[in-house]
Every structure is written in C-alpha cells, then in structure tokens.
Amino acid sequence: MFELVAPNVSFHQSFLEAHREWGGTHQDGAGLFPNDDVSTPDGFAAWVQRLADAEHAPEKDGIVPCTYRWITEDQRYVGAIAFRHFLTPALLNSGGHIGYGVRPSDRGRGAASWALRELTAQLAAQPGPERVLLTCDDANEASAKTIERCGGVLEDVRTGTDGREFRRYWIEVPAALS
C-alpha cells in the first residue's frame, strides 16, 4: 500500500536505487538539483533538510515555497510529488503547482494517480488554492492520462522555450471534508 511521507534519510539506499533507474539525473517532483549530492550519507541528509526547509522558504530567484512528499511502499522509495504553494508568472505559464515522478520500475502500478489524489485531498483540508495547475510534455501520454484520471481539465497546449510542446491542466481541489 502506498503512503505519502515527508522526505527522510531512512530511505537513502532505496532512493539511490531509484536514482540509478532514472539514470542518475533529474527526477520529476523530487526537488533534485544538479549540484545536490545524494550519493553520500551527509550529502543526502543535507538534501533532505533542504527539502524540509523549502516548505517555509521565502520566494527567491523564481523558487517558491514547496512541500515535498515521497511516495513509498513499506520502506521502499517509489517516487515523489511536490506542491508549489503559489505560482510565479513562469510557473503559471509552464511549471504549475504540482510535479511528480515515479521510478521506472514502479510505473503502471497507479502510484502517480494515487499520490495526486491523496495530495489533492490533503490540500482540500487546509486553506489554499481552489484549483491547481499541472503540466506535462505533450508526448507524455502516461502523465496526461494520470492527470485526466484525477480530474484534470486541459486548458491548452503551449510551446516551451526549448521548442517542445506541453499540456496545461487544471484540477479543482475538492471541497474541504467535513
């Protein structure tokens, strides 16, 4: 059974396995920057702390406060989902509120849909946006289907600065549970 948890150093080895599956590069929704050292225990701990601090950090250089959660199953890192607390003009155009990624060996199991529904339900229980923006590459049919399964309504398809097309979806945040 999947669970959303705050980033935690106890997942270091499992995260490294997933990182290798991703090719040791960027992982959608993980908040991983090129200079982050996730291979050493100290570097991983510093990165996990940066993710925790991001939730209350002031906007700086286009980076907004962001809540990171990891999708786990037992003690296994499955993926990540991130919620940006508000949108800058750049995020409104092409980044969105929510980003997510699932390690390649776990794709097709419903982890992304589950995490997106779970996060949206959590957002409904607190003050925040009435709807959230998600984007995905136009060619990423799996991500588009995930977003649509979770109530995403396509607003438009745009061309990024890199020439690639991407889709922009809005999801209404459910009414707060009583």
N, C-alpha and C. Protein backbone atom coordinates (compact mmCIF):
# COMPACT_ATOMS: atom_id res chain seq x y z
N MET A 1 0.84 -1.17 0.00
CA MET A 1 0.00 0.00 0.00
C MET A 1 0.90 1.25 0.00
N PHE A 2 0.57 2.19 -0.86
CA PHE A 2 1.35 3.41 -0.97
C PHE A 2 1.09 4.33 0.22
N GLU A 3 2.08 5.17 0.49
CA GLU A 3 1.96 6.16 1.55
C GLU A 3 2.73 7.40 1.11
N LEU A 4 2.23 8.58 1.48
CA LEU A 4 2.96 9.82 1.28
C LEU A 4 3.66 10.16 2.58
N VAL A 5 4.98 10.35 2.51
CA VAL A 5 5.75 10.67 3.71
C VAL A 5 6.65 11.86 3.42
N ALA A 6 7.00 12.58 4.46
CA ALA A 6 7.99 13.64 4.33
C ALA A 6 9.34 13.00 4.01
N PRO A 7 10.16 13.65 3.19
CA PRO A 7 11.49 13.10 2.90
C PRO A 7 12.23 12.74 4.19
N ASN A 8 12.92 11.60 4.16
CA ASN A 8 13.53 11.06 5.36
C ASN A 8 14.81 10.32 4.99
N VAL A 9 15.86 10.51 5.78
CA VAL A 9 17.14 9.88 5.47
C VAL A 9 17.08 8.36 5.53
N SER A 10 16.07 7.79 6.17
CA SER A 10 15.97 6.33 6.25
C SER A 10 15.74 5.69 4.88
N PHE A 11 15.38 6.49 3.89
CA PHE A 11 15.13 5.97 2.53
C PHE A 11 16.36 6.10 1.62
N HIS A 12 17.53 6.39 2.18
CA HIS A 12 18.71 6.68 1.37
C HIS A 12 19.01 5.56 0.36
N GLN A 13 19.14 4.34 0.81
CA GLN A 13 19.51 3.25 -0.11
C GLN A 13 18.44 3.04 -1.17
N SER A 14 17.19 3.05 -0.77
CA SER A 14 16.11 2.87 -1.72
C SER A 14 16.06 4.02 -2.73
N PHE A 15 16.30 5.25 -2.24
CA PHE A 15 16.34 6.39 -3.14
C PHE A 15 17.47 6.22 -4.16
N LEU A 16 18.64 5.78 -3.70
CA LEU A 16 19.77 5.59 -4.61
C LEU A 16 19.44 4.57 -5.70
N GLU A 17 18.73 3.51 -5.35
CA GLU A 17 18.30 2.53 -6.35
C GLU A 17 17.41 3.20 -7.40
N ALA A 18 16.46 4.01 -6.93
CA ALA A 18 15.58 4.72 -7.85
C ALA A 18 16.37 5.72 -8.69
N HIS A 19 17.31 6.40 -8.06
CA HIS A 19 18.13 7.39 -8.77
C HIS A 19 18.89 6.73 -9.92
N ARG A 20 19.39 5.53 -9.69
CA ARG A 20 20.07 4.80 -10.77
C ARG A 20 19.09 4.45 -11.89
N GLU A 21 17.87 4.07 -11.51
CA GLU A 21 16.85 3.76 -12.53
C GLU A 21 16.56 4.98 -13.41
N TRP A 22 16.60 6.17 -12.81
CA TRP A 22 16.36 7.40 -13.55
C TRP A 22 17.59 7.79 -14.36
N GLY A 23 18.67 7.04 -14.26
CA GLY A 23 19.88 7.37 -14.98
C GLY A 23 20.76 8.35 -14.24
N GLY A 24 20.53 8.53 -12.95
CA GLY A 24 21.35 9.43 -12.14
C GLY A 24 21.14 10.89 -12.47
N THR A 25 19.97 11.21 -13.00
CA THR A 25 19.69 12.59 -13.41
C THR A 25 18.46 13.12 -12.70
N HIS A 26 17.93 14.19 -13.24
CA HIS A 26 16.71 14.84 -12.74
C HIS A 26 15.60 13.82 -12.52
N GLN A 27 14.83 14.03 -11.47
CA GLN A 27 13.65 13.21 -11.20
C GLN A 27 12.48 14.15 -10.96
N ASP A 28 11.47 14.07 -11.78
CA ASP A 28 10.32 14.96 -11.65
C ASP A 28 9.74 14.89 -10.24
N GLY A 29 9.44 16.06 -9.68
CA GLY A 29 8.79 16.15 -8.39
C GLY A 29 9.69 15.95 -7.18
N ALA A 30 10.96 15.64 -7.39
CA ALA A 30 11.85 15.31 -6.28
C ALA A 30 12.61 16.50 -5.72
N GLY A 31 12.63 17.63 -6.41
CA GLY A 31 13.38 18.78 -5.91
C GLY A 31 14.88 18.58 -5.99
N LEU A 32 15.31 17.75 -6.89
CA LEU A 32 16.72 17.42 -7.04
C LEU A 32 17.38 18.36 -8.05
N PHE A 33 18.40 19.08 -7.59
CA PHE A 33 19.13 20.00 -8.45
C PHE A 33 20.46 19.36 -8.86
N PRO A 34 21.06 19.80 -9.96
CA PRO A 34 22.30 19.18 -10.45
C PRO A 34 23.43 19.15 -9.42
N ASN A 35 23.52 20.14 -8.56
CA ASN A 35 24.62 20.18 -7.59
C ASN A 35 24.34 19.41 -6.30
N ASP A 36 23.15 18.83 -6.16
CA ASP A 36 22.83 18.08 -4.95
C ASP A 36 23.62 16.79 -4.90
N ASP A 37 24.23 16.53 -3.76
CA ASP A 37 24.96 15.28 -3.53
C ASP A 37 24.03 14.34 -2.79
N VAL A 38 23.50 13.36 -3.49
CA VAL A 38 22.62 12.39 -2.84
C VAL A 38 23.31 11.05 -2.63
N SER A 39 24.54 10.92 -3.09
CA SER A 39 25.22 9.63 -3.02
C SER A 39 25.85 9.36 -1.65
N THR A 40 26.28 10.40 -0.93
CA THR A 40 26.88 10.20 0.38
C THR A 40 25.83 10.41 1.47
N PRO A 41 25.98 9.76 2.60
CA PRO A 41 25.00 9.96 3.68
C PRO A 41 24.89 11.43 4.11
N ASP A 42 26.01 12.13 4.23
CA ASP A 42 25.95 13.54 4.63
C ASP A 42 25.29 14.40 3.56
N GLY A 43 25.63 14.15 2.31
CA GLY A 43 25.02 14.91 1.21
C GLY A 43 23.53 14.65 1.12
N PHE A 44 23.13 13.39 1.29
CA PHE A 44 21.72 13.03 1.25
C PHE A 44 20.97 13.71 2.39
N ALA A 45 21.56 13.69 3.59
CA ALA A 45 20.94 14.34 4.75
C ALA A 45 20.77 15.84 4.51
N ALA A 46 21.76 16.47 3.91
CA ALA A 46 21.67 17.90 3.62
C ALA A 46 20.56 18.17 2.61
N TRP A 47 20.44 17.31 1.61
CA TRP A 47 19.38 17.46 0.60
C TRP A 47 18.01 17.29 1.24
N VAL A 48 17.85 16.25 2.07
CA VAL A 48 16.58 16.02 2.76
C VAL A 48 16.22 17.24 3.61
N GLN A 49 17.19 17.82 4.27
CA GLN A 49 16.94 19.01 5.09
C GLN A 49 16.52 20.18 4.21
N ARG A 50 17.15 20.34 3.04
CA ARG A 50 16.76 21.41 2.12
C ARG A 50 15.31 21.25 1.68
N LEU A 51 14.91 20.00 1.42
CA LEU A 51 13.51 19.75 1.03
C LEU A 51 12.56 20.14 2.16
N ALA A 52 12.90 19.79 3.39
CA ALA A 52 12.06 20.17 4.54
C ALA A 52 11.99 21.68 4.69
N ASP A 53 13.12 22.35 4.53
CA ASP A 53 13.17 23.81 4.67
C ASP A 53 12.40 24.53 3.56
N ALA A 54 12.27 23.89 2.40
CA ALA A 54 11.62 24.52 1.25
C ALA A 54 10.16 24.86 1.52
N GLU A 55 9.56 24.16 2.45
CA GLU A 55 8.14 24.38 2.74
C GLU A 55 7.89 25.78 3.30
N HIS A 56 8.88 26.34 4.00
CA HIS A 56 8.71 27.65 4.64
C HIS A 56 9.69 28.70 4.11
N ALA A 57 10.37 28.39 3.04
CA ALA A 57 11.37 29.31 2.48
C ALA A 57 10.68 30.45 1.74
N PRO A 58 11.23 31.64 1.79
CA PRO A 58 10.67 32.74 1.00
C PRO A 58 11.00 32.54 -0.48
N GLU A 59 10.19 33.15 -1.33
CA GLU A 59 10.47 33.08 -2.76
C GLU A 59 11.83 33.70 -3.04
N LYS A 60 12.62 33.02 -3.85
CA LYS A 60 13.94 33.53 -4.21
C LYS A 60 14.31 33.00 -5.59
N ASP A 61 14.66 33.89 -6.49
CA ASP A 61 15.09 33.53 -7.84
C ASP A 61 14.09 32.62 -8.54
N GLY A 62 12.79 32.89 -8.34
CA GLY A 62 11.75 32.11 -9.00
C GLY A 62 11.39 30.80 -8.32
N ILE A 63 12.10 30.47 -7.23
CA ILE A 63 11.79 29.27 -6.47
C ILE A 63 10.83 29.67 -5.35
N VAL A 64 9.67 29.02 -5.31
CA VAL A 64 8.63 29.37 -4.33
C VAL A 64 8.58 28.32 -3.22
N PRO A 65 7.95 28.64 -2.09
CA PRO A 65 7.79 27.62 -1.05
C PRO A 65 7.14 26.37 -1.65
N CYS A 66 7.63 25.22 -1.23
CA CYS A 66 7.20 23.97 -1.83
C CYS A 66 7.18 22.87 -0.78
N THR A 67 6.12 22.08 -0.79
CA THR A 67 6.02 20.92 0.08
C THR A 67 6.35 19.68 -0.73
N TYR A 68 7.36 18.95 -0.28
CA TYR A 68 7.78 17.71 -0.93
C TYR A 68 7.28 16.52 -0.13
N ARG A 69 6.76 15.53 -0.84
CA ARG A 69 6.38 14.27 -0.22
C ARG A 69 6.91 13.14 -1.09
N TRP A 70 7.29 12.07 -0.42
CA TRP A 70 7.75 10.90 -1.14
C TRP A 70 6.66 9.85 -1.15
N ILE A 71 6.53 9.21 -2.28
CA ILE A 71 5.61 8.10 -2.43
C ILE A 71 6.41 6.86 -2.03
N THR A 72 5.93 6.17 -1.01
CA THR A 72 6.66 5.00 -0.52
C THR A 72 5.72 3.80 -0.45
N GLU A 73 6.35 2.66 -0.37
CA GLU A 73 5.62 1.42 -0.15
C GLU A 73 6.48 0.60 0.80
N ASP A 74 5.99 0.40 1.99
CA ASP A 74 6.79 -0.18 3.07
C ASP A 74 8.01 0.74 3.27
N GLN A 75 9.21 0.22 3.18
CA GLN A 75 10.41 1.07 3.32
C GLN A 75 11.07 1.32 1.97
N ARG A 76 10.28 1.29 0.91
CA ARG A 76 10.80 1.45 -0.45
C ARG A 76 10.35 2.79 -1.03
N TYR A 77 11.32 3.56 -1.54
CA TYR A 77 11.04 4.82 -2.23
C TYR A 77 10.49 4.49 -3.61
N VAL A 78 9.28 4.98 -3.89
CA VAL A 78 8.62 4.72 -5.17
C VAL A 78 8.68 5.95 -6.08
N GLY A 79 8.61 7.13 -5.48
CA GLY A 79 8.62 8.35 -6.28
C GLY A 79 8.43 9.56 -5.40
N ALA A 80 8.13 10.69 -6.04
CA ALA A 80 7.99 11.94 -5.31
C ALA A 80 6.88 12.77 -5.93
N ILE A 81 6.31 13.63 -5.09
CA ILE A 81 5.32 14.60 -5.55
C ILE A 81 5.58 15.90 -4.80
N ALA A 82 5.45 17.00 -5.50
CA ALA A 82 5.76 18.31 -4.91
C ALA A 82 4.60 19.26 -5.17
N PHE A 83 4.31 20.08 -4.16
CA PHE A 83 3.28 21.10 -4.27
C PHE A 83 3.90 22.47 -4.06
N ARG A 84 3.91 23.28 -5.12
CA ARG A 84 4.37 24.66 -5.02
C ARG A 84 3.22 25.50 -4.49
N HIS A 85 3.46 26.26 -3.44
CA HIS A 85 2.39 26.94 -2.71
C HIS A 85 1.72 28.05 -3.50
N PHE A 86 2.42 28.66 -4.44
CA PHE A 86 1.81 29.65 -5.31
C PHE A 86 2.58 29.68 -6.62
N LEU A 87 2.00 30.37 -7.59
CA LEU A 87 2.59 30.40 -8.93
C LEU A 87 3.19 31.76 -9.24
N THR A 88 4.42 31.75 -9.71
CA THR A 88 5.02 32.93 -10.31
C THR A 88 4.53 32.99 -11.75
N PRO A 89 4.76 34.07 -12.48
CA PRO A 89 4.37 34.09 -13.89
C PRO A 89 4.97 32.92 -14.68
N ALA A 90 6.22 32.57 -14.40
CA ALA A 90 6.85 31.45 -15.13
C ALA A 90 6.16 30.13 -14.79
N LEU A 91 5.85 29.91 -13.51
CA LEU A 91 5.17 28.67 -13.11
C LEU A 91 3.75 28.62 -13.67
N LEU A 92 3.09 29.76 -13.74
CA LEU A 92 1.75 29.82 -14.32
C LEU A 92 1.80 29.44 -15.79
N ASN A 93 2.84 29.85 -16.46
CA ASN A 93 2.97 29.53 -17.88
C ASN A 93 3.32 28.06 -18.10
N SER A 94 4.32 27.56 -17.38
CA SER A 94 4.83 26.24 -17.79
C SER A 94 5.19 25.28 -16.67
N GLY A 95 5.10 25.67 -15.40
CA GLY A 95 5.53 24.75 -14.35
C GLY A 95 4.41 24.14 -13.55
N GLY A 96 3.47 24.98 -13.13
CA GLY A 96 2.34 24.50 -12.37
C GLY A 96 2.59 24.40 -10.88
N HIS A 97 1.53 24.01 -10.17
CA HIS A 97 1.58 23.82 -8.72
C HIS A 97 2.21 22.48 -8.35
N ILE A 98 1.92 21.45 -9.11
CA ILE A 98 2.27 20.08 -8.72
C ILE A 98 3.14 19.43 -9.78
N GLY A 99 4.18 18.78 -9.31
CA GLY A 99 5.02 17.94 -10.16
C GLY A 99 5.19 16.60 -9.47
N TYR A 100 5.34 15.55 -10.24
CA TYR A 100 5.51 14.23 -9.66
C TYR A 100 6.34 13.35 -10.58
N GLY A 101 6.89 12.32 -10.01
CA GLY A 101 7.63 11.34 -10.79
C GLY A 101 7.65 10.02 -10.05
N VAL A 102 7.60 8.94 -10.81
CA VAL A 102 7.62 7.58 -10.26
C VAL A 102 8.80 6.84 -10.88
N ARG A 103 9.53 6.12 -10.03
CA ARG A 103 10.69 5.39 -10.54
C ARG A 103 10.25 4.43 -11.65
N PRO A 104 11.09 4.26 -12.66
CA PRO A 104 10.69 3.46 -13.83
C PRO A 104 10.16 2.06 -13.50
N SER A 105 10.75 1.37 -12.54
CA SER A 105 10.30 0.00 -12.24
C SER A 105 8.92 -0.04 -11.58
N ASP A 106 8.42 1.09 -11.12
CA ASP A 106 7.10 1.12 -10.46
C ASP A 106 6.02 1.78 -11.31
N ARG A 107 6.35 2.19 -12.50
CA ARG A 107 5.34 2.83 -13.35
C ARG A 107 4.30 1.81 -13.78
N GLY A 108 3.08 2.29 -13.99
CA GLY A 108 2.00 1.42 -14.41
C GLY A 108 1.27 0.75 -13.26
N ARG A 109 1.64 1.07 -12.02
CA ARG A 109 1.01 0.46 -10.84
C ARG A 109 0.01 1.40 -10.18
N GLY A 110 -0.16 2.60 -10.72
CA GLY A 110 -1.12 3.55 -10.15
C GLY A 110 -0.56 4.45 -9.07
N ALA A 111 0.75 4.44 -8.86
CA ALA A 111 1.35 5.25 -7.80
C ALA A 111 1.14 6.74 -8.04
N ALA A 112 1.32 7.19 -9.26
CA ALA A 112 1.18 8.63 -9.54
C ALA A 112 -0.27 9.07 -9.36
N SER A 113 -1.22 8.31 -9.86
CA SER A 113 -2.64 8.66 -9.69
C SER A 113 -3.01 8.68 -8.21
N TRP A 114 -2.55 7.66 -7.48
CA TRP A 114 -2.85 7.60 -6.05
C TRP A 114 -2.27 8.84 -5.34
N ALA A 115 -1.01 9.16 -5.61
CA ALA A 115 -0.36 10.29 -4.95
C ALA A 115 -1.03 11.61 -5.30
N LEU A 116 -1.41 11.78 -6.54
CA LEU A 116 -2.06 13.02 -6.96
C LEU A 116 -3.43 13.17 -6.27
N ARG A 117 -4.18 12.10 -6.21
CA ARG A 117 -5.47 12.15 -5.50
C ARG A 117 -5.26 12.43 -4.00
N GLU A 118 -4.30 11.75 -3.41
CA GLU A 118 -4.02 11.92 -1.99
C GLU A 118 -3.58 13.35 -1.68
N LEU A 119 -2.69 13.89 -2.48
CA LEU A 119 -2.23 15.26 -2.25
C LEU A 119 -3.37 16.25 -2.42
N THR A 120 -4.19 16.07 -3.44
CA THR A 120 -5.32 16.97 -3.67
C THR A 120 -6.29 16.92 -2.50
N ALA A 121 -6.52 15.73 -1.95
CA ALA A 121 -7.40 15.61 -0.77
C ALA A 121 -6.79 16.33 0.43
N GLN A 122 -5.48 16.22 0.60
CA GLN A 122 -4.82 16.92 1.70
C GLN A 122 -4.92 18.43 1.53
N LEU A 123 -4.81 18.91 0.29
CA LEU A 123 -4.93 20.34 0.03
C LEU A 123 -6.33 20.84 0.38
N ALA A 124 -7.34 20.00 0.17
CA ALA A 124 -8.72 20.40 0.44
C ALA A 124 -8.95 20.62 1.93
N ALA A 125 -8.13 20.00 2.75
CA ALA A 125 -8.32 20.10 4.20
C ALA A 125 -7.63 21.31 4.82
N GLN A 126 -7.06 22.16 4.00
CA GLN A 126 -6.35 23.33 4.52
C GLN A 126 -6.59 24.51 3.60
N PRO A 127 -6.35 25.72 4.08
CA PRO A 127 -6.51 26.88 3.21
C PRO A 127 -5.51 26.81 2.04
N GLY A 128 -5.95 27.19 0.88
CA GLY A 128 -5.07 27.16 -0.27
C GLY A 128 -5.84 27.39 -1.55
N PRO A 129 -5.23 27.07 -2.66
CA PRO A 129 -5.88 27.33 -3.95
C PRO A 129 -7.12 26.46 -4.16
N GLU A 130 -8.09 27.01 -4.88
CA GLU A 130 -9.31 26.27 -5.20
C GLU A 130 -9.09 25.32 -6.37
N ARG A 131 -8.02 25.58 -7.12
CA ARG A 131 -7.66 24.68 -8.21
C ARG A 131 -6.15 24.72 -8.36
N VAL A 132 -5.60 23.67 -8.91
CA VAL A 132 -4.16 23.57 -9.07
C VAL A 132 -3.82 23.28 -10.53
N LEU A 133 -2.67 23.81 -10.95
CA LEU A 133 -2.19 23.65 -12.31
C LEU A 133 -1.13 22.57 -12.37
N LEU A 134 -1.25 21.70 -13.36
CA LEU A 134 -0.23 20.68 -13.64
C LEU A 134 0.11 20.76 -15.11
N THR A 135 1.36 20.51 -15.43
CA THR A 135 1.78 20.48 -16.82
C THR A 135 2.49 19.17 -17.10
N CYS A 136 2.49 18.78 -18.36
CA CYS A 136 3.27 17.61 -18.77
C CYS A 136 3.62 17.76 -20.25
N ASP A 137 4.69 17.10 -20.65
CA ASP A 137 5.07 17.11 -22.06
C ASP A 137 3.90 16.58 -22.88
N ASP A 138 3.66 17.18 -24.03
CA ASP A 138 2.56 16.75 -24.89
C ASP A 138 2.71 15.28 -25.29
N ALA A 139 3.94 14.81 -25.41
CA ALA A 139 4.18 13.43 -25.82
C ALA A 139 4.08 12.43 -24.66
N ASN A 140 3.93 12.92 -23.43
CA ASN A 140 3.89 12.03 -22.27
C ASN A 140 2.45 11.59 -22.01
N GLU A 141 2.00 10.60 -22.77
CA GLU A 141 0.63 10.12 -22.67
C GLU A 141 0.31 9.57 -21.29
N ALA A 142 1.26 8.88 -20.67
CA ALA A 142 1.01 8.31 -19.34
C ALA A 142 0.71 9.40 -18.33
N SER A 143 1.49 10.48 -18.34
CA SER A 143 1.25 11.57 -17.40
C SER A 143 -0.07 12.27 -17.71
N ALA A 144 -0.36 12.48 -18.99
CA ALA A 144 -1.62 13.11 -19.37
C ALA A 144 -2.80 12.28 -18.87
N LYS A 145 -2.73 10.97 -19.02
CA LYS A 145 -3.82 10.10 -18.55
C LYS A 145 -3.93 10.14 -17.03
N THR A 146 -2.80 10.19 -16.34
CA THR A 146 -2.83 10.29 -14.87
C THR A 146 -3.56 11.55 -14.45
N ILE A 147 -3.19 12.67 -15.03
CA ILE A 147 -3.80 13.95 -14.68
C ILE A 147 -5.30 13.92 -15.00
N GLU A 148 -5.66 13.40 -16.15
CA GLU A 148 -7.06 13.35 -16.56
C GLU A 148 -7.86 12.43 -15.63
N ARG A 149 -7.28 11.28 -15.22
CA ARG A 149 -7.95 10.37 -14.29
C ARG A 149 -8.24 11.04 -12.95
N CYS A 150 -7.42 12.01 -12.61
CA CYS A 150 -7.56 12.72 -11.33
C CYS A 150 -8.35 14.00 -11.46
N GLY A 151 -9.07 14.16 -12.56
CA GLY A 151 -9.95 15.32 -12.74
C GLY A 151 -9.35 16.47 -13.50
N GLY A 152 -8.18 16.29 -14.06
CA GLY A 152 -7.54 17.36 -14.81
C GLY A 152 -8.31 17.73 -16.06
N VAL A 153 -8.49 19.03 -16.26
CA VAL A 153 -9.15 19.55 -17.45
C VAL A 153 -8.11 20.31 -18.26
N LEU A 154 -7.93 19.89 -19.50
CA LEU A 154 -6.93 20.52 -20.37
C LEU A 154 -7.33 21.95 -20.69
N GLU A 155 -6.44 22.88 -20.39
CA GLU A 155 -6.68 24.28 -20.75
C GLU A 155 -6.12 24.56 -22.14
N ASP A 156 -4.86 24.16 -22.36
CA ASP A 156 -4.25 24.40 -23.66
C ASP A 156 -2.96 23.62 -23.80
N VAL A 157 -2.39 23.70 -24.99
CA VAL A 157 -1.08 23.13 -25.29
C VAL A 157 -0.21 24.29 -25.74
N ARG A 158 0.97 24.40 -25.13
CA ARG A 158 1.88 25.51 -25.44
C ARG A 158 3.22 24.97 -25.89
N THR A 159 3.99 25.87 -26.47
CA THR A 159 5.34 25.52 -26.88
C THR A 159 6.32 26.17 -25.93
N GLY A 160 7.21 25.36 -25.36
CA GLY A 160 8.20 25.86 -24.42
C GLY A 160 9.35 26.54 -25.12
N THR A 161 10.23 27.14 -24.34
CA THR A 161 11.39 27.83 -24.90
C THR A 161 12.33 26.86 -25.60
N ASP A 162 12.22 25.56 -25.26
CA ASP A 162 13.05 24.54 -25.91
C ASP A 162 12.41 24.00 -27.18
N GLY A 163 11.22 24.53 -27.55
CA GLY A 163 10.55 24.11 -28.77
C GLY A 163 9.62 22.91 -28.57
N ARG A 164 9.62 22.32 -27.38
CA ARG A 164 8.76 21.17 -27.12
C ARG A 164 7.40 21.64 -26.65
N GLU A 165 6.37 20.91 -27.07
CA GLU A 165 5.02 21.25 -26.65
C GLU A 165 4.70 20.60 -25.31
N PHE A 166 3.90 21.31 -24.51
CA PHE A 166 3.47 20.78 -23.23
C PHE A 166 2.01 21.12 -23.01
N ARG A 167 1.34 20.27 -22.23
CA ARG A 167 -0.07 20.44 -21.91
C ARG A 167 -0.21 21.11 -20.54
N ARG A 168 -1.24 21.94 -20.40
CA ARG A 168 -1.55 22.59 -19.12
C ARG A 168 -2.95 22.15 -18.68
N TYR A 169 -3.00 21.57 -17.49
CA TYR A 169 -4.26 21.07 -16.94
C TYR A 169 -4.57 21.76 -15.62
N TRP A 170 -5.86 21.93 -15.34
CA TRP A 170 -6.32 22.42 -14.03
C TRP A 170 -7.13 21.34 -13.36
N ILE A 171 -6.89 21.16 -12.06
CA ILE A 171 -7.69 20.25 -11.24
C ILE A 171 -8.34 21.06 -10.14
N GLU A 172 -9.66 20.91 -10.02
CA GLU A 172 -10.39 21.58 -8.93
C GLU A 172 -10.07 20.84 -7.64
N VAL A 173 -9.70 21.60 -6.62
CA VAL A 173 -9.43 21.00 -5.30
C VAL A 173 -10.78 20.68 -4.67
N PRO A 174 -10.98 19.45 -4.23
CA PRO A 174 -12.29 19.08 -3.68
C PRO A 174 -12.66 19.96 -2.48
N ALA A 175 -13.95 20.10 -2.28
CA ALA A 175 -14.42 20.86 -1.12
C ALA A 175 -13.87 20.21 0.14
N ALA A 176 -13.55 21.04 1.11
CA ALA A 176 -12.97 20.53 2.36
C ALA A 176 -13.91 19.50 2.98
N LEU A 177 -13.30 18.45 3.49
CA LEU A 177 -14.09 17.39 4.12
C LEU A 177 -14.65 17.88 5.43
N SER A 178 -15.90 17.55 5.72
CA SER A 178 -16.49 18.00 6.99
C SER A 178 -16.40 16.93 8.06
